[in-house]
């Protein structure tokens, strides 16, 4: 998936969700750029920390407002990765990137199927 094909923000979503999704996408791009342009471990880890923080904020709020019956809860996995980042483990940054890419893809799939993020 390339940046040009990522459509993260659903047309029908509220302004709050739009802003959060835009911020997640912006932070994902920062992490992706840091990795692709070999900016060094400290910059990669910092970008991953910012992305994890935003994802946790968004998913925690979403979990409170929606029943997550069949949806895999990503929060424990993000918390584990956050702990790895605190120990400056670069592999955790790479895992954050992959997890975020899958999450963005699932959001895009939901949008294309017409499933509202706000129920």
N, C-alpha and C. Protein backbone atom coordinates (compact mmCIF):
# COMPACT_ATOMS: atom_id res chain seq x y z
N UNK A 1 0.85 -1.16 0.00
CA UNK A 1 0.00 0.00 0.00
C UNK A 1 0.90 1.23 0.00
N UNK A 2 0.65 2.13 -0.90
CA UNK A 2 1.43 3.36 -0.94
C UNK A 2 0.62 4.48 -0.33
N UNK A 3 1.30 5.56 -0.02
CA UNK A 3 0.60 6.70 0.57
C UNK A 3 -0.50 7.21 -0.34
N UNK A 4 -0.29 7.16 -1.64
CA UNK A 4 -1.28 7.69 -2.56
C UNK A 4 -2.54 6.84 -2.60
N UNK A 5 -2.47 5.57 -2.17
CA UNK A 5 -3.65 4.73 -2.20
C UNK A 5 -4.36 4.66 -0.86
N UNK A 6 -3.77 5.24 0.19
CA UNK A 6 -4.40 5.20 1.50
C UNK A 6 -5.47 6.27 1.57
N UNK A 7 -6.73 5.84 1.72
CA UNK A 7 -7.83 6.77 1.95
C UNK A 7 -8.33 6.44 3.34
N UNK A 8 -7.86 7.18 4.31
CA UNK A 8 -8.11 6.83 5.69
C UNK A 8 -9.37 7.47 6.25
N UNK A 9 -9.77 8.62 5.74
CA UNK A 9 -10.82 9.38 6.37
C UNK A 9 -12.15 9.15 5.66
N UNK A 10 -13.12 8.50 6.31
CA UNK A 10 -14.42 8.28 5.70
C UNK A 10 -15.15 9.60 5.50
N UNK A 11 -15.89 9.68 4.39
CA UNK A 11 -16.61 10.91 4.08
C UNK A 11 -17.67 11.24 5.11
N UNK A 12 -18.31 10.23 5.68
CA UNK A 12 -19.42 10.46 6.59
C UNK A 12 -19.00 10.62 8.05
N UNK A 13 -17.73 10.45 8.35
CA UNK A 13 -17.27 10.47 9.75
C UNK A 13 -17.36 11.87 10.33
N UNK A 14 -17.44 11.91 11.64
CA UNK A 14 -17.52 13.21 12.32
C UNK A 14 -16.18 13.93 12.23
N UNK A 15 -16.19 15.23 12.55
CA UNK A 15 -14.98 16.03 12.52
C UNK A 15 -13.90 15.50 13.44
N UNK A 16 -14.29 15.01 14.62
CA UNK A 16 -13.32 14.47 15.58
C UNK A 16 -12.60 13.27 15.00
N UNK A 17 -13.35 12.35 14.41
CA UNK A 17 -12.74 11.15 13.81
C UNK A 17 -11.86 11.57 12.64
N UNK A 18 -12.34 12.50 11.82
CA UNK A 18 -11.54 12.97 10.69
C UNK A 18 -10.20 13.52 11.17
N UNK A 19 -10.23 14.32 12.23
CA UNK A 19 -8.99 14.91 12.74
C UNK A 19 -8.07 13.83 13.29
N UNK A 20 -8.61 12.88 14.01
CA UNK A 20 -7.78 11.80 14.57
C UNK A 20 -7.19 10.94 13.46
N UNK A 21 -7.99 10.59 12.47
CA UNK A 21 -7.48 9.78 11.37
C UNK A 21 -6.41 10.55 10.59
N UNK A 22 -6.63 11.84 10.39
CA UNK A 22 -5.62 12.65 9.70
C UNK A 22 -4.31 12.67 10.48
N UNK A 23 -4.42 12.79 11.79
CA UNK A 23 -3.22 12.82 12.63
C UNK A 23 -2.52 11.46 12.62
N UNK A 24 -3.27 10.37 12.65
CA UNK A 24 -2.68 9.03 12.58
C UNK A 24 -1.96 8.87 11.25
N UNK A 25 -2.60 9.28 10.17
CA UNK A 25 -1.97 9.17 8.85
C UNK A 25 -0.70 10.02 8.79
N UNK A 26 -0.74 11.23 9.32
CA UNK A 26 0.43 12.11 9.33
C UNK A 26 1.58 11.47 10.11
N UNK A 27 1.27 10.90 11.25
CA UNK A 27 2.32 10.27 12.07
C UNK A 27 2.84 8.99 11.43
N UNK A 28 1.96 8.26 10.74
CA UNK A 28 2.40 7.07 10.01
C UNK A 28 3.40 7.47 8.92
N UNK A 29 3.08 8.54 8.20
CA UNK A 29 3.97 9.00 7.13
C UNK A 29 5.32 9.44 7.71
N UNK A 30 5.30 10.10 8.87
CA UNK A 30 6.56 10.48 9.53
C UNK A 30 7.40 9.26 9.84
N UNK A 31 6.78 8.22 10.39
CA UNK A 31 7.51 6.99 10.71
C UNK A 31 8.02 6.32 9.44
N UNK A 32 7.16 6.24 8.45
CA UNK A 32 7.54 5.62 7.18
C UNK A 32 8.73 6.35 6.57
N UNK A 33 8.68 7.67 6.56
CA UNK A 33 9.80 8.46 6.01
C UNK A 33 11.08 8.24 6.80
N UNK A 34 10.98 8.21 8.13
CA UNK A 34 12.16 8.00 8.97
C UNK A 34 12.80 6.64 8.66
N UNK A 35 11.97 5.63 8.43
CA UNK A 35 12.50 4.29 8.12
C UNK A 35 13.07 4.25 6.71
N UNK A 36 12.31 4.74 5.75
CA UNK A 36 12.73 4.66 4.35
C UNK A 36 13.96 5.51 4.04
N UNK A 37 14.13 6.61 4.76
CA UNK A 37 15.25 7.50 4.50
C UNK A 37 16.38 7.32 5.51
N UNK A 38 16.31 6.24 6.27
CA UNK A 38 17.38 5.87 7.22
C UNK A 38 17.82 7.05 8.08
N UNK A 39 16.86 7.64 8.77
CA UNK A 39 17.16 8.79 9.62
C UNK A 39 17.84 8.41 10.93
N UNK A 40 17.97 7.14 11.20
CA UNK A 40 18.64 6.70 12.42
C UNK A 40 17.64 6.24 13.47
N UNK A 41 18.12 5.39 14.33
CA UNK A 41 17.27 4.78 15.35
C UNK A 41 16.53 5.77 16.23
N UNK A 42 17.19 6.80 16.76
CA UNK A 42 16.46 7.72 17.65
C UNK A 42 15.25 8.37 16.98
N UNK A 43 15.43 8.81 15.74
CA UNK A 43 14.33 9.46 15.03
C UNK A 43 13.22 8.46 14.69
N UNK A 44 13.59 7.26 14.31
CA UNK A 44 12.60 6.22 14.01
C UNK A 44 11.80 5.89 15.26
N UNK A 45 12.48 5.70 16.37
CA UNK A 45 11.81 5.36 17.62
C UNK A 45 10.90 6.49 18.08
N UNK A 46 11.35 7.73 17.97
CA UNK A 46 10.50 8.87 18.35
C UNK A 46 9.24 8.94 17.49
N UNK A 47 9.40 8.73 16.18
CA UNK A 47 8.24 8.76 15.28
C UNK A 47 7.27 7.62 15.63
N UNK A 48 7.80 6.45 15.96
CA UNK A 48 6.95 5.31 16.33
C UNK A 48 6.23 5.58 17.64
N UNK A 49 6.91 6.20 18.60
CA UNK A 49 6.27 6.54 19.88
C UNK A 49 5.09 7.49 19.67
N UNK A 50 5.29 8.50 18.82
CA UNK A 50 4.19 9.45 18.55
C UNK A 50 3.01 8.75 17.89
N UNK A 51 3.29 7.82 16.97
CA UNK A 51 2.23 7.09 16.30
C UNK A 51 1.49 6.19 17.28
N UNK A 52 2.20 5.46 18.12
CA UNK A 52 1.57 4.58 19.11
C UNK A 52 0.69 5.40 20.04
N UNK A 53 1.20 6.53 20.50
CA UNK A 53 0.42 7.38 21.40
C UNK A 53 -0.90 7.80 20.75
N UNK A 54 -0.85 8.21 19.49
CA UNK A 54 -2.07 8.63 18.79
C UNK A 54 -3.02 7.47 18.56
N UNK A 55 -2.48 6.31 18.19
CA UNK A 55 -3.33 5.13 17.98
C UNK A 55 -4.00 4.71 19.29
N UNK A 56 -3.25 4.70 20.38
CA UNK A 56 -3.84 4.34 21.68
C UNK A 56 -4.94 5.33 22.08
N UNK A 57 -4.69 6.59 21.87
CA UNK A 57 -5.69 7.61 22.18
C UNK A 57 -6.96 7.38 21.36
N UNK A 58 -6.80 7.17 20.07
CA UNK A 58 -7.94 6.97 19.18
C UNK A 58 -8.69 5.68 19.50
N UNK A 59 -7.95 4.58 19.63
CA UNK A 59 -8.60 3.29 19.85
C UNK A 59 -9.25 3.22 21.23
N UNK A 60 -8.66 3.85 22.23
CA UNK A 60 -9.27 3.86 23.56
C UNK A 60 -10.60 4.61 23.53
N UNK A 61 -10.63 5.75 22.86
CA UNK A 61 -11.87 6.51 22.75
C UNK A 61 -12.91 5.74 21.93
N UNK A 62 -12.46 5.10 20.87
CA UNK A 62 -13.36 4.33 20.03
C UNK A 62 -13.93 3.14 20.80
N UNK A 63 -13.09 2.49 21.59
CA UNK A 63 -13.52 1.34 22.36
C UNK A 63 -14.58 1.74 23.39
N UNK A 64 -14.43 2.93 23.97
CA UNK A 64 -15.43 3.40 24.94
C UNK A 64 -16.76 3.69 24.28
N UNK A 65 -16.73 4.15 23.03
CA UNK A 65 -17.97 4.56 22.37
C UNK A 65 -18.63 3.45 21.56
N UNK A 66 -17.89 2.43 21.22
CA UNK A 66 -18.43 1.34 20.40
C UNK A 66 -18.21 0.00 21.07
N UNK A 67 -19.10 -0.92 20.85
CA UNK A 67 -18.87 -2.28 21.30
C UNK A 67 -17.93 -2.94 20.29
N UNK A 68 -16.87 -3.51 20.76
CA UNK A 68 -15.87 -4.12 19.90
C UNK A 68 -16.08 -5.64 19.87
N UNK A 69 -17.29 -6.07 19.57
CA UNK A 69 -17.65 -7.48 19.66
C UNK A 69 -16.73 -8.40 18.87
N UNK A 70 -16.62 -8.20 17.57
CA UNK A 70 -15.83 -9.12 16.77
C UNK A 70 -14.49 -8.52 16.35
N UNK A 71 -14.27 -7.28 16.69
CA UNK A 71 -13.05 -6.59 16.27
C UNK A 71 -11.89 -6.93 17.21
N UNK A 72 -10.77 -7.27 16.63
CA UNK A 72 -9.59 -7.57 17.42
C UNK A 72 -9.17 -6.31 18.17
N UNK A 73 -8.93 -6.46 19.45
CA UNK A 73 -8.51 -5.33 20.27
C UNK A 73 -7.00 -5.14 20.10
N UNK A 74 -6.63 -4.02 19.51
CA UNK A 74 -5.22 -3.74 19.25
C UNK A 74 -4.50 -3.09 20.42
N UNK A 75 -5.25 -2.65 21.41
CA UNK A 75 -4.64 -1.90 22.51
C UNK A 75 -3.56 -2.69 23.24
N UNK A 76 -3.80 -3.96 23.63
CA UNK A 76 -2.71 -4.69 24.32
C UNK A 76 -1.45 -4.83 23.46
N UNK A 77 -1.63 -5.06 22.16
CA UNK A 77 -0.47 -5.18 21.27
C UNK A 77 0.28 -3.84 21.18
N UNK A 78 -0.47 -2.75 21.09
CA UNK A 78 0.16 -1.43 21.04
C UNK A 78 0.90 -1.12 22.35
N UNK A 79 0.32 -1.53 23.47
CA UNK A 79 0.98 -1.30 24.76
C UNK A 79 2.27 -2.09 24.86
N UNK A 80 2.29 -3.30 24.33
CA UNK A 80 3.51 -4.10 24.31
C UNK A 80 4.57 -3.44 23.44
N UNK A 81 4.15 -2.94 22.28
CA UNK A 81 5.09 -2.25 21.40
C UNK A 81 5.59 -0.96 22.03
N UNK A 82 4.71 -0.27 22.73
CA UNK A 82 5.11 0.96 23.42
C UNK A 82 6.21 0.67 24.44
N UNK A 83 6.07 -0.45 25.16
CA UNK A 83 7.11 -0.85 26.13
C UNK A 83 8.43 -1.13 25.42
N UNK A 84 8.37 -1.78 24.26
CA UNK A 84 9.57 -2.04 23.48
C UNK A 84 10.24 -0.75 23.02
N UNK A 85 9.43 0.23 22.65
CA UNK A 85 9.97 1.52 22.22
C UNK A 85 10.63 2.26 23.38
N UNK A 86 10.10 2.07 24.58
CA UNK A 86 10.71 2.70 25.75
C UNK A 86 12.12 2.17 25.97
N UNK A 87 12.35 0.93 25.54
CA UNK A 87 13.68 0.32 25.64
C UNK A 87 14.47 0.53 24.35
N UNK A 88 13.95 1.42 23.50
CA UNK A 88 14.60 1.79 22.24
C UNK A 88 14.86 0.61 21.32
N UNK A 89 13.88 -0.28 21.23
CA UNK A 89 13.98 -1.45 20.37
C UNK A 89 13.43 -1.08 18.99
N UNK A 90 14.32 -1.05 18.00
CA UNK A 90 13.94 -0.62 16.65
C UNK A 90 12.92 -1.58 16.04
N UNK A 91 13.03 -2.88 16.34
CA UNK A 91 12.07 -3.82 15.76
C UNK A 91 10.65 -3.45 16.16
N UNK A 92 10.46 -2.86 17.36
CA UNK A 92 9.13 -2.45 17.79
C UNK A 92 8.60 -1.35 16.87
N UNK A 93 9.47 -0.46 16.43
CA UNK A 93 9.06 0.60 15.49
C UNK A 93 8.59 -0.01 14.17
N UNK A 94 9.29 -1.03 13.72
CA UNK A 94 8.90 -1.69 12.47
C UNK A 94 7.56 -2.40 12.64
N UNK A 95 7.35 -3.01 13.79
CA UNK A 95 6.06 -3.68 14.05
C UNK A 95 4.93 -2.67 14.15
N UNK A 96 5.20 -1.49 14.73
CA UNK A 96 4.19 -0.43 14.80
C UNK A 96 3.78 -0.01 13.39
N UNK A 97 4.77 0.14 12.54
CA UNK A 97 4.50 0.53 11.15
C UNK A 97 3.58 -0.48 10.47
N UNK A 98 3.88 -1.76 10.61
CA UNK A 98 3.05 -2.80 10.00
C UNK A 98 1.66 -2.85 10.58
N UNK A 99 1.57 -2.74 11.90
CA UNK A 99 0.26 -2.76 12.56
C UNK A 99 -0.59 -1.58 12.09
N UNK A 100 0.01 -0.42 12.02
CA UNK A 100 -0.73 0.77 11.59
C UNK A 100 -1.17 0.63 10.13
N UNK A 101 -0.31 0.09 9.31
CA UNK A 101 -0.67 -0.11 7.90
C UNK A 101 -1.88 -1.05 7.78
N UNK A 102 -1.88 -2.13 8.55
CA UNK A 102 -3.03 -3.05 8.53
C UNK A 102 -4.29 -2.36 9.06
N UNK A 103 -4.14 -1.56 10.12
CA UNK A 103 -5.29 -0.86 10.69
C UNK A 103 -5.86 0.13 9.68
N UNK A 104 -4.98 0.89 9.01
CA UNK A 104 -5.45 1.85 8.00
C UNK A 104 -6.16 1.13 6.86
N UNK A 105 -5.62 0.00 6.47
CA UNK A 105 -6.25 -0.79 5.40
C UNK A 105 -7.64 -1.26 5.82
N UNK A 106 -7.77 -1.71 7.08
CA UNK A 106 -9.09 -2.17 7.55
C UNK A 106 -10.08 -1.01 7.61
N UNK A 107 -9.60 0.19 7.96
CA UNK A 107 -10.47 1.36 7.98
C UNK A 107 -10.94 1.71 6.57
N UNK A 108 -10.02 1.61 5.60
CA UNK A 108 -10.36 1.88 4.21
C UNK A 108 -11.36 0.85 3.71
N UNK A 109 -11.16 -0.43 4.07
CA UNK A 109 -12.09 -1.48 3.67
C UNK A 109 -13.48 -1.22 4.24
N UNK A 110 -13.54 -0.79 5.50
CA UNK A 110 -14.83 -0.47 6.12
C UNK A 110 -15.52 0.66 5.38
N UNK A 111 -14.76 1.66 5.01
CA UNK A 111 -15.32 2.80 4.28
C UNK A 111 -15.87 2.35 2.93
N UNK A 112 -15.10 1.53 2.24
CA UNK A 112 -15.53 1.08 0.91
C UNK A 112 -16.76 0.19 0.99
N UNK A 113 -16.93 -0.54 2.09
CA UNK A 113 -18.12 -1.38 2.26
C UNK A 113 -19.30 -0.55 2.78
N UNK A 114 -19.03 0.73 3.13
CA UNK A 114 -20.10 1.59 3.60
C UNK A 114 -20.41 1.42 5.06
N UNK A 115 -19.49 0.82 5.83
CA UNK A 115 -19.70 0.63 7.25
C UNK A 115 -19.29 1.89 7.95
N UNK A 116 -20.18 2.46 8.69
CA UNK A 116 -19.89 3.69 9.41
C UNK A 116 -18.99 3.42 10.60
N UNK A 117 -18.05 4.32 10.83
CA UNK A 117 -17.19 4.21 12.01
C UNK A 117 -17.92 4.66 13.26
N UNK A 118 -18.97 5.44 13.09
CA UNK A 118 -19.75 5.92 14.21
C UNK A 118 -21.11 5.26 14.12
N UNK A 119 -21.41 4.41 15.08
CA UNK A 119 -22.66 3.65 15.02
C UNK A 119 -23.61 4.12 16.08
